[in-house]
Amino acid sequence: KMSTQVTNEKVDKKYYVVLMLVHMGNSVWLVPQDNGSLAWSNEFCDTQPFFSYEEAKSVVESHFLQTFGFIGSYKIIELTYEELLDFEILTDN
């Protein structure tokens, strides 16, 4: 049995992407931009991860309040680095 030693801490790191319901039957992936703003995409591969659950939660809730005036339905999904690669969600961090 081969033992694989992993020296890269990315492997243990968790990443968080957010699915947000914007209209009945219409949900979008949140895409945090480098300048701090947020875009929406229908494509999962366009999404960009947050680096903590708390950050993802506070960003999506304040985005809901600013955009719609209330906090609607959303789902935060935890991914591993391997899953980011599998889904071709590229991140520099």
PDB file of N, CA and C in Angstrom:
ATOM      1  N   LYS A   1       0.853  -1.192   0.000  1.00  0.00           N
ATOM      2  CA  LYS A   1       0.000   0.000   0.000  1.00  0.00           C
ATOM      3  C   LYS A   1       0.890   1.243   0.000  1.00  0.00           C
ATOM      4  N   MET A   2       0.680   2.103  -0.939  1.00  0.00           N
ATOM      5  CA  MET A   2       1.528   3.289  -1.046  1.00  0.00           C
ATOM      6  C   MET A   2       1.029   4.370  -0.106  1.00  0.00           C
ATOM      7  N   SER A   3       1.976   4.999   0.549  1.00  0.00           N
ATOM      8  CA  SER A   3       1.563   6.125   1.372  1.00  0.00           C
ATOM      9  C   SER A   3       1.932   7.401   0.614  1.00  0.00           C
ATOM     10  N   THR A   4       0.948   8.226   0.408  1.00  0.00           N
ATOM     11  CA  THR A   4       1.204   9.473  -0.321  1.00  0.00           C
ATOM     12  C   THR A   4       1.309  10.587   0.698  1.00  0.00           C
ATOM     13  N   GLN A   5       2.461  11.188   0.726  1.00  0.00           N
ATOM     14  CA  GLN A   5       2.651  12.309   1.656  1.00  0.00           C
ATOM     15  C   GLN A   5       2.336  13.605   0.935  1.00  0.00           C
ATOM     16  N   VAL A   6       1.431  14.334   1.508  1.00  0.00           N
ATOM     17  CA  VAL A   6       0.988  15.574   0.876  1.00  0.00           C
ATOM     18  C   VAL A   6       1.531  16.741   1.678  1.00  0.00           C
ATOM     19  N   THR A   7       2.356  17.519   1.038  1.00  0.00           N
ATOM     20  CA  THR A   7       2.962  18.639   1.749  1.00  0.00           C
ATOM     21  C   THR A   7       2.190  19.932   1.515  1.00  0.00           C
ATOM     22  N   ASN A   8       1.246  19.884   0.599  1.00  0.00           N
ATOM     23  CA  ASN A   8       0.541  21.102   0.209  1.00  0.00           C
ATOM     24  C   ASN A   8      -0.676  21.326   1.104  1.00  0.00           C
ATOM     25  N   GLU A   9      -0.700  22.429   1.849  1.00  0.00           N
ATOM     26  CA  GLU A   9      -1.830  22.642   2.767  1.00  0.00           C
ATOM     27  C   GLU A   9      -3.126  22.948   2.014  1.00  0.00           C
ATOM     28  N   LYS A  10      -3.040  23.240   0.732  1.00  0.00           N
ATOM     29  CA  LYS A  10      -4.256  23.458  -0.053  1.00  0.00           C
ATOM     30  C   LYS A  10      -5.187  22.259   0.029  1.00  0.00           C
ATOM     31  N   VAL A  11      -4.595  21.085   0.132  1.00  0.00           N
ATOM     32  CA  VAL A  11      -5.382  19.862   0.109  1.00  0.00           C
ATOM     33  C   VAL A  11      -6.332  19.792   1.300  1.00  0.00           C
ATOM     34  N   ASP A  12      -5.912  20.339   2.432  1.00  0.00           N
ATOM     35  CA  ASP A  12      -6.756  20.307   3.630  1.00  0.00           C
ATOM     36  C   ASP A  12      -7.704  21.495   3.708  1.00  0.00           C
ATOM     37  N   LYS A  13      -7.473  22.479   2.866  1.00  0.00           N
ATOM     38  CA  LYS A  13      -8.245  23.697   2.948  1.00  0.00           C
ATOM     39  C   LYS A  13      -9.656  23.475   2.406  1.00  0.00           C
ATOM     40  N   LYS A  14     -10.603  24.219   2.945  1.00  0.00           N
ATOM     41  CA  LYS A  14     -11.967  24.156   2.448  1.00  0.00           C
ATOM     42  C   LYS A  14     -12.304  25.469   1.754  1.00  0.00           C
ATOM     43  N   TYR A  15     -13.139  25.361   0.742  1.00  0.00           N
ATOM     44  CA  TYR A  15     -13.560  26.514  -0.044  1.00  0.00           C
ATOM     45  C   TYR A  15     -15.082  26.511  -0.070  1.00  0.00           C
ATOM     46  N   TYR A  16     -15.666  27.691  -0.219  1.00  0.00           N
ATOM     47  CA  TYR A  16     -17.117  27.809  -0.093  1.00  0.00           C
ATOM     48  C   TYR A  16     -17.677  28.599  -1.270  1.00  0.00           C
ATOM     49  N   VAL A  17     -18.639  27.995  -1.965  1.00  0.00           N
ATOM     50  CA  VAL A  17     -19.313  28.692  -3.055  1.00  0.00           C
ATOM     51  C   VAL A  17     -20.774  28.864  -2.667  1.00  0.00           C
ATOM     52  N   VAL A  18     -21.403  29.878  -3.256  1.00  0.00           N
ATOM     53  CA  VAL A  18     -22.754  30.248  -2.836  1.00  0.00           C
ATOM     54  C   VAL A  18     -23.728  30.210  -4.003  1.00  0.00           C
ATOM     55  N   LEU A  19     -24.812  29.478  -3.793  1.00  0.00           N
ATOM     56  CA  LEU A  19     -25.940  29.454  -4.720  1.00  0.00           C
ATOM     57  C   LEU A  19     -27.053  30.292  -4.099  1.00  0.00           C
ATOM     58  N   MET A  20     -27.607  31.185  -4.897  1.00  0.00           N
ATOM     59  CA  MET A  20     -28.539  32.184  -4.378  1.00  0.00           C
ATOM     60  C   MET A  20     -29.799  32.213  -5.242  1.00  0.00           C
ATOM     61  N   LEU A  21     -30.946  32.152  -4.598  1.00  0.00           N
ATOM     62  CA  LEU A  21     -32.226  32.207  -5.313  1.00  0.00           C
ATOM     63  C   LEU A  21     -32.604  33.668  -5.545  1.00  0.00           C
ATOM     64  N   VAL A  22     -32.664  34.083  -6.810  1.00  0.00           N
ATOM     65  CA  VAL A  22     -32.942  35.494  -7.092  1.00  0.00           C
ATOM     66  C   VAL A  22     -34.374  35.753  -7.550  1.00  0.00           C
ATOM     67  N   HIS A  23     -34.989  34.787  -8.161  1.00  0.00           N
ATOM     68  CA  HIS A  23     -36.406  34.867  -8.534  1.00  0.00           C
ATOM     69  C   HIS A  23     -36.954  33.459  -8.400  1.00  0.00           C
ATOM     70  N   MET A  24     -38.257  33.319  -8.407  1.00  0.00           N
ATOM     71  CA  MET A  24     -38.834  31.975  -8.349  1.00  0.00           C
ATOM     72  C   MET A  24     -38.236  31.113  -9.461  1.00  0.00           C
ATOM     73  N   GLY A  25     -37.670  30.013  -9.080  1.00  0.00           N
ATOM     74  CA  GLY A  25     -37.135  29.091 -10.077  1.00  0.00           C
ATOM     75  C   GLY A  25     -35.850  29.541 -10.743  1.00  0.00           C
ATOM     76  N   ASN A  26     -35.261  30.623 -10.272  1.00  0.00           N
ATOM     77  CA  ASN A  26     -34.031  31.111 -10.886  1.00  0.00           C
ATOM     78  C   ASN A  26     -32.965  31.338  -9.826  1.00  0.00           C
ATOM     79  N   SER A  27     -31.976  30.466  -9.824  1.00  0.00           N
ATOM     80  CA  SER A  27     -30.880  30.637  -8.882  1.00  0.00           C
ATOM     81  C   SER A  27     -29.586  30.904  -9.634  1.00  0.00           C
ATOM     82  N   VAL A  28     -28.687  31.622  -8.996  1.00  0.00           N
ATOM     83  CA  VAL A  28     -27.412  31.992  -9.616  1.00  0.00           C
ATOM     84  C   VAL A  28     -26.267  31.685  -8.658  1.00  0.00           C
ATOM     85  N   TRP A  29     -25.095  31.506  -9.220  1.00  0.00           N
ATOM     86  CA  TRP A  29     -23.875  31.359  -8.430  1.00  0.00           C
ATOM     87  C   TRP A  29     -23.292  32.737  -8.204  1.00  0.00           C
ATOM     88  N   LEU A  30     -22.870  33.000  -6.984  1.00  0.00           N
ATOM     89  CA  LEU A  30     -22.214  34.276  -6.687  1.00  0.00           C
ATOM     90  C   LEU A  30     -20.773  34.221  -7.172  1.00  0.00           C
ATOM     91  N   VAL A  31     -20.366  35.290  -7.819  1.00  0.00           N
ATOM     92  CA  VAL A  31     -18.994  35.375  -8.329  1.00  0.00           C
ATOM     93  C   VAL A  31     -18.311  36.600  -7.734  1.00  0.00           C
ATOM     94  N   PRO A  32     -17.593  36.445  -6.612  1.00  0.00           N
ATOM     95  CA  PRO A  32     -16.874  37.585  -6.044  1.00  0.00           C
ATOM     96  C   PRO A  32     -15.819  38.084  -7.026  1.00  0.00           C
ATOM     97  N   GLN A  33     -15.772  39.405  -7.207  1.00  0.00           N
ATOM     98  CA  GLN A  33     -14.821  40.026  -8.127  1.00  0.00           C
ATOM     99  C   GLN A  33     -13.612  40.553  -7.353  1.00  0.00           C
ATOM    100  N   ASP A  34     -12.513  40.749  -8.068  1.00  0.00           N
ATOM    101  CA  ASP A  34     -11.291  41.253  -7.434  1.00  0.00           C
ATOM    102  C   ASP A  34     -11.506  42.605  -6.769  1.00  0.00           C
ATOM    103  N   ASN A  35     -12.393  43.418  -7.335  1.00  0.00           N
ATOM    104  CA  ASN A  35     -12.602  44.770  -6.787  1.00  0.00           C
ATOM    105  C   ASN A  35     -13.586  44.791  -5.624  1.00  0.00           C
ATOM    106  N   GLY A  36     -14.028  43.598  -5.192  1.00  0.00           N
ATOM    107  CA  GLY A  36     -14.921  43.543  -4.045  1.00  0.00           C
ATOM    108  C   GLY A  36     -16.392  43.481  -4.400  1.00  0.00           C
ATOM    109  N   SER A  37     -16.727  43.736  -5.661  1.00  0.00           N
ATOM    110  CA  SER A  37     -18.131  43.643  -6.059  1.00  0.00           C
ATOM    111  C   SER A  37     -18.495  42.187  -6.320  1.00  0.00           C
ATOM    112  N   LEU A  38     -19.769  41.956  -6.597  1.00  0.00           N
ATOM    113  CA  LEU A  38     -20.248  40.590  -6.832  1.00  0.00           C
ATOM    114  C   LEU A  38     -20.954  40.514  -8.169  1.00  0.00           C
ATOM    115  N   ALA A  39     -20.662  39.461  -8.909  1.00  0.00           N
ATOM    116  CA  ALA A  39     -21.397  39.182 -10.141  1.00  0.00           C
ATOM    117  C   ALA A  39     -22.219  37.919  -9.926  1.00  0.00           C
ATOM    118  N   TRP A  40     -23.137  37.658 -10.842  1.00  0.00           N
ATOM    119  CA  TRP A  40     -23.935  36.440 -10.815  1.00  0.00           C
ATOM    120  C   TRP A  40     -23.624  35.642 -12.068  1.00  0.00           C
ATOM    121  N   SER A  41     -23.692  34.335 -11.960  1.00  0.00           N
ATOM    122  CA  SER A  41     -23.570  33.502 -13.148  1.00  0.00           C
ATOM    123  C   SER A  41     -24.489  32.298 -13.045  1.00  0.00           C
ATOM    124  N   ASN A  42     -24.972  31.854 -14.200  1.00  0.00           N
ATOM    125  CA  ASN A  42     -25.740  30.614 -14.252  1.00  0.00           C
ATOM    126  C   ASN A  42     -24.833  29.402 -14.331  1.00  0.00           C
ATOM    127  N   GLU A  43     -23.563  29.642 -14.602  1.00  0.00           N
ATOM    128  CA  GLU A  43     -22.612  28.547 -14.795  1.00  0.00           C
ATOM    129  C   GLU A  43     -21.815  28.284 -13.527  1.00  0.00           C
ATOM    130  N   PHE A  44     -21.858  27.053 -13.060  1.00  0.00           N
ATOM    131  CA  PHE A  44     -21.130  26.684 -11.846  1.00  0.00           C
ATOM    132  C   PHE A  44     -19.628  26.956 -11.992  1.00  0.00           C
ATOM    133  N   CYS A  45     -19.085  26.696 -13.182  1.00  0.00           N
ATOM    134  CA  CYS A  45     -17.631  26.851 -13.354  1.00  0.00           C
ATOM    135  C   CYS A  45     -17.184  28.314 -13.271  1.00  0.00           C
ATOM    136  N   ASP A  46     -18.127  29.264 -13.370  1.00  0.00           N
ATOM    137  CA  ASP A  46     -17.772  30.690 -13.264  1.00  0.00           C
ATOM    138  C   ASP A  46     -17.604  31.147 -11.826  1.00  0.00           C
ATOM    139  N   THR A  47     -18.162  30.382 -10.889  1.00  0.00           N
ATOM    140  CA  THR A  47     -18.160  30.844  -9.518  1.00  0.00           C
ATOM    141  C   THR A  47     -16.734  30.949  -8.976  1.00  0.00           C
ATOM    142  N   GLN A  48     -16.569  31.752  -7.964  1.00  0.00           N
ATOM    143  CA  GLN A  48     -15.285  31.870  -7.285  1.00  0.00           C
ATOM    144  C   GLN A  48     -15.521  31.589  -5.817  1.00  0.00           C
ATOM    145  N   PRO A  49     -14.596  30.901  -5.167  1.00  0.00           N
ATOM    146  CA  PRO A  49     -14.849  30.507  -3.790  1.00  0.00           C
ATOM    147  C   PRO A  49     -14.546  31.601  -2.775  1.00  0.00           C
ATOM    148  N   PHE A  50     -15.246  31.511  -1.665  1.00  0.00           N
ATOM    149  CA  PHE A  50     -14.873  32.238  -0.468  1.00  0.00           C
ATOM    150  C   PHE A  50     -13.982  31.311   0.351  1.00  0.00           C
ATOM    151  N   PHE A  51     -13.231  31.886   1.277  1.00  0.00           N
ATOM    152  CA  PHE A  51     -12.234  31.095   1.988  1.00  0.00           C
ATOM    153  C   PHE A  51     -12.647  30.759   3.417  1.00  0.00           C
ATOM    154  N   SER A  52     -13.849  31.200   3.802  1.00  0.00           N
ATOM    155  CA  SER A  52     -14.420  30.744   5.065  1.00  0.00           C
ATOM    156  C   SER A  52     -15.935  30.754   4.937  1.00  0.00           C
ATOM    157  N   TYR A  53     -16.572  29.895   5.714  1.00  0.00           N
ATOM    158  CA  TYR A  53     -18.033  29.814   5.734  1.00  0.00           C
ATOM    159  C   TYR A  53     -18.619  31.152   6.188  1.00  0.00           C
ATOM    160  N   GLU A  54     -17.992  31.727   7.218  1.00  0.00           N
ATOM    161  CA  GLU A  54     -18.492  32.984   7.795  1.00  0.00           C
ATOM    162  C   GLU A  54     -18.461  34.108   6.759  1.00  0.00           C
ATOM    163  N   GLU A  55     -17.374  34.164   5.979  1.00  0.00           N
ATOM    164  CA  GLU A  55     -17.275  35.199   4.946  1.00  0.00           C
ATOM    165  C   GLU A  55     -18.367  35.002   3.901  1.00  0.00           C
ATOM    166  N   ALA A  56     -18.542  33.762   3.452  1.00  0.00           N
ATOM    167  CA  ALA A  56     -19.570  33.476   2.444  1.00  0.00           C
ATOM    168  C   ALA A  56     -20.951  33.891   2.948  1.00  0.00           C
ATOM    169  N   LYS A  57     -21.252  33.544   4.199  1.00  0.00           N
ATOM    170  CA  LYS A  57     -22.552  33.850   4.797  1.00  0.00           C
ATOM    171  C   LYS A  57     -22.778  35.354   4.912  1.00  0.00           C
ATOM    172  N   SER A  58     -21.786  36.076   5.419  1.00  0.00           N
ATOM    173  CA  SER A  58     -21.989  37.518   5.603  1.00  0.00           C
ATOM    174  C   SER A  58     -22.066  38.242   4.258  1.00  0.00           C
ATOM    175  N   VAL A  59     -21.292  37.789   3.277  1.00  0.00           N
ATOM    176  CA  VAL A  59     -21.326  38.431   1.955  1.00  0.00           C
ATOM    177  C   VAL A  59     -22.672  38.205   1.270  1.00  0.00           C
ATOM    178  N   VAL A  60     -23.158  36.976   1.265  1.00  0.00           N
ATOM    179  CA  VAL A  60     -24.415  36.706   0.561  1.00  0.00           C
ATOM    180  C   VAL A  60     -25.584  37.388   1.267  1.00  0.00           C
ATOM    181  N   GLU A  61     -25.555  37.427   2.593  1.00  0.00           N
ATOM    182  CA  GLU A  61     -26.667  38.068   3.304  1.00  0.00           C
ATOM    183  C   GLU A  61     -26.678  39.575   3.086  1.00  0.00           C
ATOM    184  N   SER A  62     -25.509  40.202   3.112  1.00  0.00           N
ATOM    185  CA  SER A  62     -25.511  41.650   2.870  1.00  0.00           C
ATOM    186  C   SER A  62     -25.822  41.965   1.407  1.00  0.00           C
ATOM    187  N   HIS A  63     -25.410  41.073   0.494  1.00  0.00           N
ATOM    188  CA  HIS A  63     -25.745  41.257  -0.924  1.00  0.00           C
ATOM    189  C   HIS A  63     -27.255  41.163  -1.138  1.00  0.00           C
ATOM    190  N   PHE A  64     -27.892  40.207  -0.480  1.00  0.00           N
ATOM    191  CA  PHE A  64     -29.351  40.096  -0.538  1.00  0.00           C
ATOM    192  C   PHE A  64     -30.006  41.376  -0.041  1.00  0.00           C
ATOM    193  N   LEU A  65     -29.547  41.878   1.104  1.00  0.00           N
ATOM    194  CA  LEU A  65     -30.157  43.078   1.677  1.00  0.00           C
ATOM    195  C   LEU A  65     -29.995  44.282   0.755  1.00  0.00           C
ATOM    196  N   GLN A  66     -28.788  44.444   0.201  1.00  0.00           N
ATOM    197  CA  GLN A  66     -28.546  45.578  -0.699  1.00  0.00           C
ATOM    198  C   GLN A  66     -29.357  45.459  -1.987  1.00  0.00           C
ATOM    199  N   THR A  67     -29.497  44.239  -2.495  1.00  0.00           N
ATOM    200  CA  THR A  67     -30.131  44.045  -3.802  1.00  0.00           C
ATOM    201  C   THR A  67     -31.645  43.984  -3.709  1.00  0.00           C
ATOM    202  N   PHE A  68     -32.162  43.280  -2.703  1.00  0.00           N
ATOM    203  CA  PHE A  68     -33.599  43.023  -2.619  1.00  0.00           C
ATOM    204  C   PHE A  68     -34.264  43.597  -1.374  1.00  0.00           C
ATOM    205  N   GLY A  69     -33.466  43.995  -0.389  1.00  0.00           N
ATOM    206  CA  GLY A  69     -34.034  44.530   0.833  1.00  0.00           C
ATOM    207  C   GLY A  69     -34.432  43.456   1.848  1.00  0.00           C
ATOM    208  N   PHE A  70     -34.116  42.217   1.556  1.00  0.00           N
ATOM    209  CA  PHE A  70     -34.380  41.130   2.506  1.00  0.00           C
ATOM    210  C   PHE A  70     -33.364  40.020   2.250  1.00  0.00           C
ATOM    211  N   ILE A  71     -33.271  39.097   3.182  1.00  0.00           N
ATOM    212  CA  ILE A  71     -32.389  37.944   3.000  1.00  0.00           C
ATOM    213  C   ILE A  71     -33.220  36.766   2.514  1.00  0.00           C
ATOM    214  N   GLY A  72     -32.962  36.361   1.284  1.00  0.00           N
ATOM    215  CA  GLY A  72     -33.706  35.259   0.681  1.00  0.00           C
ATOM    216  C   GLY A  72     -32.995  33.932   0.867  1.00  0.00           C
ATOM    217  N   SER A  73     -33.379  32.979   0.048  1.00  0.00           N
ATOM    218  CA  SER A  73     -32.830  31.630   0.149  1.00  0.00           C
ATOM    219  C   SER A  73     -31.467  31.530  -0.526  1.00  0.00           C
ATOM    220  N   TYR A  74     -30.557  30.881   0.152  1.00  0.00           N
ATOM    221  CA  TYR A  74     -29.247  30.626  -0.437  1.00  0.00           C
ATOM    222  C   TYR A  74     -28.683  29.349   0.148  1.00  0.00           C
ATOM    223  N   LYS A  75     -27.682  28.813  -0.522  1.00  0.00           N
ATOM    224  CA  LYS A  75     -27.033  27.595  -0.063  1.00  0.00           C
ATOM    225  C   LYS A  75     -25.527  27.775  -0.194  1.00  0.00           C
ATOM    226  N   ILE A  76     -24.822  27.524   0.914  1.00  0.00           N
ATOM    227  CA  ILE A  76     -23.363  27.578   0.889  1.00  0.00           C
ATOM    228  C   ILE A  76     -22.852  26.143   0.759  1.00  0.00           C
ATOM    229  N   ILE A  77     -22.028  25.919  -0.235  1.00  0.00           N
ATOM    230  CA  ILE A  77     -21.529  24.574  -0.515  1.00  0.00           C
ATOM    231  C   ILE A  77     -20.033  24.530  -0.267  1.00  0.00           C
ATOM    232  N   GLU A  78     -19.616  23.574   0.547  1.00  0.00           N
ATOM    233  CA  GLU A  78     -18.203  23.414   0.873  1.00  0.00           C
ATOM    234  C   GLU A  78     -17.532  22.514  -0.162  1.00  0.00           C
ATOM    235  N   LEU A  79     -16.387  22.959  -0.657  1.00  0.00           N
ATOM    236  CA  LEU A  79     -15.621  22.180  -1.631  1.00  0.00           C
ATOM    237  C   LEU A  79     -14.188  21.999  -1.146  1.00  0.00           C
ATOM    238  N   THR A  80     -13.589  20.916  -1.563  1.00  0.00           N
ATOM    239  CA  THR A  80     -12.157  20.729  -1.325  1.00  0.00           C
ATOM    240  C   THR A  80     -11.382  21.295  -2.508  1.00  0.00           C
ATOM    241  N   TYR A  81     -10.086  21.419  -2.348  1.00  0.00           N
ATOM    242  CA  TYR A  81      -9.247  21.883  -3.445  1.00  0.00           C
ATOM    243  C   TYR A  81      -9.374  20.951  -4.652  1.00  0.00           C
ATOM    244  N   GLU A  82      -9.412  19.663  -4.376  1.00  0.00           N
ATOM    245  CA  GLU A  82      -9.565  18.663  -5.444  1.00  0.00           C
ATOM    246  C   GLU A  82     -10.857  18.887  -6.225  1.00  0.00           C
ATOM    247  N   GLU A  83     -11.928  19.190  -5.506  1.00  0.00           N
ATOM    248  CA  GLU A  83     -13.214  19.447  -6.170  1.00  0.00           C
ATOM    249  C   GLU A  83     -13.166  20.727  -6.996  1.00  0.00           C
ATOM    250  N   LEU A  84     -12.467  21.743  -6.506  1.00  0.00           N
ATOM    251  CA  LEU A  84     -12.298  22.960  -7.310  1.00  0.00           C
ATOM    252  C   LEU A  84     -11.650  22.617  -8.639  1.00  0.00           C
ATOM    253  N   LEU A  85     -10.628  21.777  -8.582  1.00  0.00           N
ATOM    254  CA  LEU A  85      -9.946  21.376  -9.809  1.00  0.00           C
ATOM    255  C   LEU A  85     -10.872  20.552 -10.703  1.00  0.00           C
ATOM    256  N   ASP A  86     -11.592  19.618 -10.090  1.00  0.00           N
ATOM    257  CA  ASP A  86     -12.500  18.769 -10.872  1.00  0.00           C
ATOM    258  C   ASP A  86     -13.538  19.590 -11.620  1.00  0.00           C
ATOM    259  N   PHE A  87     -14.080  20.607 -10.961  1.00  0.00           N
ATOM    260  CA  PHE A  87     -15.114  21.436 -11.578  1.00  0.00           C
ATOM    261  C   PHE A  87     -14.525  22.621 -12.342  1.00  0.00           C
ATOM    262  N   GLU A  88     -13.204  22.656 -12.407  1.00  0.00           N
ATOM    263  CA  GLU A  88     -12.496  23.723 -13.127  1.00  0.00           C
ATOM    264  C   GLU A  88     -12.828  25.104 -12.592  1.00  0.00           C
ATOM    265  N   ILE A  89     -12.943  25.170 -11.277  1.00  0.00           N
ATOM    266  CA  ILE A  89     -13.080  26.468 -10.615  1.00  0.00           C
ATOM    267  C   ILE A  89     -11.694  26.870 -10.191  1.00  0.00           C
ATOM    268  N   LEU A  90     -11.140  27.848 -10.871  1.00  0.00           N
ATOM    269  CA  LEU A  90      -9.734  28.162 -10.655  1.00  0.00           C
ATOM    270  C   LEU A  90      -9.603  29.290  -9.652  1.00  0.00           C
ATOM    271  N   THR A  91      -8.665  29.129  -8.752  1.00  0.00           N
ATOM    272  CA  THR A  91      -8.418  30.151  -7.751  1.00  0.00           C
ATOM    273  C   THR A  91      -6.924  30.329  -7.565  1.00  0.00           C
ATOM    274  N   ASP A  92      -6.507  31.530  -7.279  1.00  0.00           N
ATOM    275  CA  ASP A  92      -5.086  31.793  -7.066  1.00  0.00           C
ATOM    276  C   ASP A  92      -4.661  31.441  -5.651  1.00  0.00           C
ATOM    277  N   ASN A  93      -5.653  31.351  -4.734  1.00  0.00           N
ATOM    278  CA  ASN A  93      -5.317  31.137  -3.324  1.00  0.00           C
ATOM    279  C   ASN A  93      -5.373  29.655  -2.991  1.00  0.00           C
TER     280      ASN A  93
END
